[in-house]
Amino acid sequence: MNTISRKKLFPRIRSLWFGLTLPYRALKLIFINKSLLFWSALPLALTFILFIYGISQLQDWATSLLQEYIARLGFDPASLIGRFFMLSGKMILWMVAALTFIFTSSIVASPFNDILAERSERVTEIPLPPVTKKTLKAHVKLIGIDLFKTAIAFIAAVFAIIFCWVPVV
């Protein structure tokens, strides 16, 4: 029987514990430092504002379009079958809304991530070397790379959603 020796097991447990407690320590660091709190909350607030005003309007439009489609099929939206179609459509809209929220937040947060990382490196437990000042061109390049990665992730997620509906024989 091949078992893991105690010498190798305990570093793995310590590593697991470190990974499990890392979000708590990161939140503690963010709430202690006001600058980190600002740079963390700003993209979140911008995303919520953009999502509430933009995406909610699109969702209302899609719901009304779905009701019209159900009525054109000859079903009353208040009937049992109409409610089933509305509920199914709303579930799909919620999935789409969750995906768009994730992608919107990553796009909005990408310019702030580098600033947040630079600010957090100053107050880490283990001192890190100071970050050199970056030019506007370097920041724009990083934002472009982040947007490209987000677009690739979006395309992969769309394919994953489409292929999860394809029956496998």
Protein backbone atom coordinates (compact mmCIF):
# COMPACT_ATOMS: atom_id res chain seq x y z
CA MET A 1 0.00 0.00 0.00
CA ASN A 2 1.44 3.32 -1.05
CA THR A 3 0.77 5.94 1.63
CA ILE A 4 2.02 9.46 2.02
CA SER A 5 4.69 9.80 4.68
CA ARG A 6 4.07 12.04 7.67
CA LYS A 7 6.93 14.26 6.58
CA LYS A 8 5.09 15.08 3.34
CA LEU A 9 1.59 15.06 4.84
CA PHE A 10 1.96 17.91 7.32
CA PRO A 11 3.26 20.49 4.81
CA ARG A 12 0.26 19.65 2.65
CA ILE A 13 -2.11 20.19 5.57
CA ARG A 14 -0.38 23.48 6.39
CA SER A 15 -0.65 24.48 2.74
CA LEU A 16 -4.36 23.56 2.73
CA TRP A 17 -4.94 25.56 5.91
CA PHE A 18 -3.03 28.51 4.45
CA GLY A 19 -5.23 28.41 1.34
CA LEU A 20 -8.43 28.14 3.37
CA THR A 21 -7.55 31.09 5.62
CA LEU A 22 -6.17 33.30 2.85
CA PRO A 23 -9.52 34.99 1.95
CA TYR A 24 -10.06 35.89 5.62
CA ARG A 25 -6.59 37.41 5.92
CA ALA A 26 -7.05 39.29 2.64
CA LEU A 27 -10.37 40.76 3.83
CA LYS A 28 -8.77 41.71 7.14
CA LEU A 29 -5.95 43.48 5.29
CA ILE A 30 -8.43 45.29 3.04
CA PHE A 31 -10.57 46.52 5.94
CA ILE A 32 -7.56 47.67 7.97
CA ASN A 33 -6.14 49.78 5.14
CA LYS A 34 -8.53 52.50 3.92
CA SER A 35 -6.74 52.89 0.58
CA LEU A 36 -7.17 49.19 -0.19
CA LEU A 37 -10.81 49.38 0.86
CA PHE A 38 -11.41 52.26 -1.56
CA TRP A 39 -9.66 50.58 -4.51
CA SER A 40 -11.54 47.32 -3.79
CA ALA A 41 -14.97 48.92 -3.40
CA LEU A 42 -14.74 51.29 -6.38
CA PRO A 43 -14.92 48.64 -9.15
CA LEU A 44 -17.62 46.78 -7.24
CA ALA A 45 -19.74 49.93 -6.93
CA LEU A 46 -19.22 50.81 -10.61
CA THR A 47 -20.22 47.29 -11.62
CA PHE A 48 -23.38 47.39 -9.52
CA ILE A 49 -24.37 50.76 -10.97
CA LEU A 50 -23.70 49.59 -14.52
CA PHE A 51 -25.46 46.29 -13.92
CA ILE A 52 -28.53 47.72 -12.21
CA TYR A 53 -29.16 50.39 -14.83
CA GLY A 54 -27.99 48.60 -17.96
CA ILE A 55 -28.57 44.92 -17.57
CA SER A 56 -31.85 45.24 -15.68
CA GLN A 57 -33.31 47.22 -18.59
CA LEU A 58 -32.22 44.50 -20.99
CA GLN A 59 -33.71 41.84 -18.74
CA ASP A 60 -37.06 43.67 -18.59
CA TRP A 61 -37.02 43.93 -22.38
CA ALA A 62 -36.25 40.20 -22.73
CA THR A 63 -39.05 39.29 -20.30
CA SER A 64 -41.61 41.31 -22.25
CA LEU A 65 -40.34 39.77 -25.49
CA LEU A 66 -40.77 36.31 -23.96
CA GLN A 67 -44.34 37.13 -22.89
CA GLU A 68 -45.16 38.27 -26.42
CA TYR A 69 -43.66 35.09 -27.85
CA ILE A 70 -45.71 32.90 -25.49
CA ALA A 71 -48.87 34.81 -26.47
CA ARG A 72 -48.03 34.38 -30.18
CA LEU A 73 -47.77 30.63 -29.62
CA GLY A 74 -51.36 30.73 -28.42
CA PHE A 75 -50.76 30.34 -24.68
CA ASP A 76 -51.94 32.74 -22.05
CA PRO A 77 -48.89 33.86 -20.00
CA ALA A 78 -51.04 33.42 -16.87
CA SER A 79 -51.90 29.78 -17.72
CA LEU A 80 -49.98 26.82 -16.33
CA ILE A 81 -48.05 26.22 -19.56
CA GLY A 82 -47.43 29.95 -19.96
CA ARG A 83 -46.09 30.15 -16.40
CA PHE A 84 -43.84 27.15 -17.09
CA PHE A 85 -42.40 28.86 -20.18
CA MET A 86 -42.00 32.14 -18.27
CA LEU A 87 -40.26 30.38 -15.38
CA SER A 88 -37.95 28.52 -17.76
CA GLY A 89 -37.19 31.73 -19.61
CA LYS A 90 -36.50 33.60 -16.38
CA MET A 91 -34.15 30.85 -15.22
CA ILE A 92 -32.20 31.17 -18.46
CA LEU A 93 -32.21 34.96 -18.08
CA TRP A 94 -30.84 34.62 -14.54
CA MET A 95 -28.02 32.40 -15.82
CA VAL A 96 -27.25 34.92 -18.56
CA ALA A 97 -27.42 37.75 -16.01
CA ALA A 98 -24.98 35.94 -13.72
CA LEU A 99 -22.55 35.42 -16.59
CA THR A 100 -22.83 39.00 -17.77
CA PHE A 101 -22.31 40.23 -14.20
CA ILE A 102 -19.11 38.20 -13.93
CA PHE A 103 -17.79 39.46 -17.25
CA THR A 104 -18.89 43.04 -16.60
CA SER A 105 -17.19 43.05 -13.22
CA SER A 106 -13.95 41.66 -14.65
CA ILE A 107 -13.93 44.29 -17.40
CA VAL A 108 -14.70 47.12 -14.98
CA ALA A 109 -12.19 45.87 -12.40
CA SER A 110 -9.28 45.31 -14.80
CA PRO A 111 -7.95 48.91 -14.67
CA PHE A 112 -8.10 48.87 -10.87
CA ASN A 113 -6.45 45.47 -10.30
CA ASP A 114 -2.91 46.71 -10.90
CA ILE A 115 -3.41 49.72 -8.63
CA LEU A 116 -4.85 47.46 -5.94
CA ALA A 117 -1.95 45.02 -6.28
CA GLU A 118 0.63 47.81 -6.03
CA ARG A 119 -1.07 49.28 -2.95
CA SER A 120 -1.39 45.90 -1.26
CA GLU A 121 2.28 45.05 -1.83
CA ARG A 122 3.21 48.00 0.39
CA VAL A 123 1.37 46.57 3.40
CA THR A 124 2.01 42.84 3.10
CA GLU A 125 3.44 40.84 5.98
CA ILE A 126 6.53 39.91 3.99
CA PRO A 127 8.12 43.10 2.60
CA LEU A 128 8.23 43.08 -1.18
CA PRO A 129 10.43 45.23 -3.41
CA PRO A 130 8.76 48.47 -4.50
CA VAL A 131 7.03 48.48 -7.86
CA THR A 132 8.51 50.71 -10.52
CA LYS A 133 6.26 53.41 -11.91
CA LYS A 134 4.44 52.38 -15.06
CA THR A 135 3.63 54.63 -17.97
CA LEU A 136 0.15 55.17 -19.35
CA LYS A 137 1.11 53.01 -22.33
CA ALA A 138 1.95 50.10 -20.00
CA HIS A 139 -1.37 50.49 -18.16
CA VAL A 140 -3.31 50.55 -21.45
CA LYS A 141 -1.44 47.43 -22.59
CA LEU A 142 -2.33 45.63 -19.34
CA ILE A 143 -5.98 46.64 -19.70
CA GLY A 144 -5.92 45.31 -23.28
CA ILE A 145 -4.48 42.00 -22.10
CA ASP A 146 -7.15 41.77 -19.39
CA LEU A 147 -9.90 42.50 -21.90
CA PHE A 148 -8.52 39.87 -24.27
CA LYS A 149 -8.47 37.27 -21.49
CA THR A 150 -12.03 38.22 -20.53
CA ALA A 151 -13.20 37.87 -24.14
CA ILE A 152 -11.59 34.42 -24.41
CA ALA A 153 -13.22 33.37 -21.11
CA PHE A 154 -16.58 34.67 -22.35
CA ILE A 155 -16.32 32.70 -25.59
CA ALA A 156 -15.34 29.56 -23.66
CA ALA A 157 -18.28 30.03 -21.27
CA VAL A 158 -20.73 30.48 -24.15
CA PHE A 159 -19.44 27.28 -25.78
CA ALA A 160 -19.67 25.46 -22.44
CA ILE A 161 -23.29 26.55 -21.99
CA ILE A 162 -24.19 25.59 -25.56
CA PHE A 163 -22.49 22.20 -25.31
CA CYS A 164 -24.13 21.40 -21.97
CA TRP A 165 -27.46 21.44 -23.82
CA VAL A 166 -26.22 19.00 -26.49
CA PRO A 167 -27.29 15.46 -25.63
CA VAL A 168 -24.52 12.91 -25.47
CA VAL A 169 -25.36 9.46 -26.77
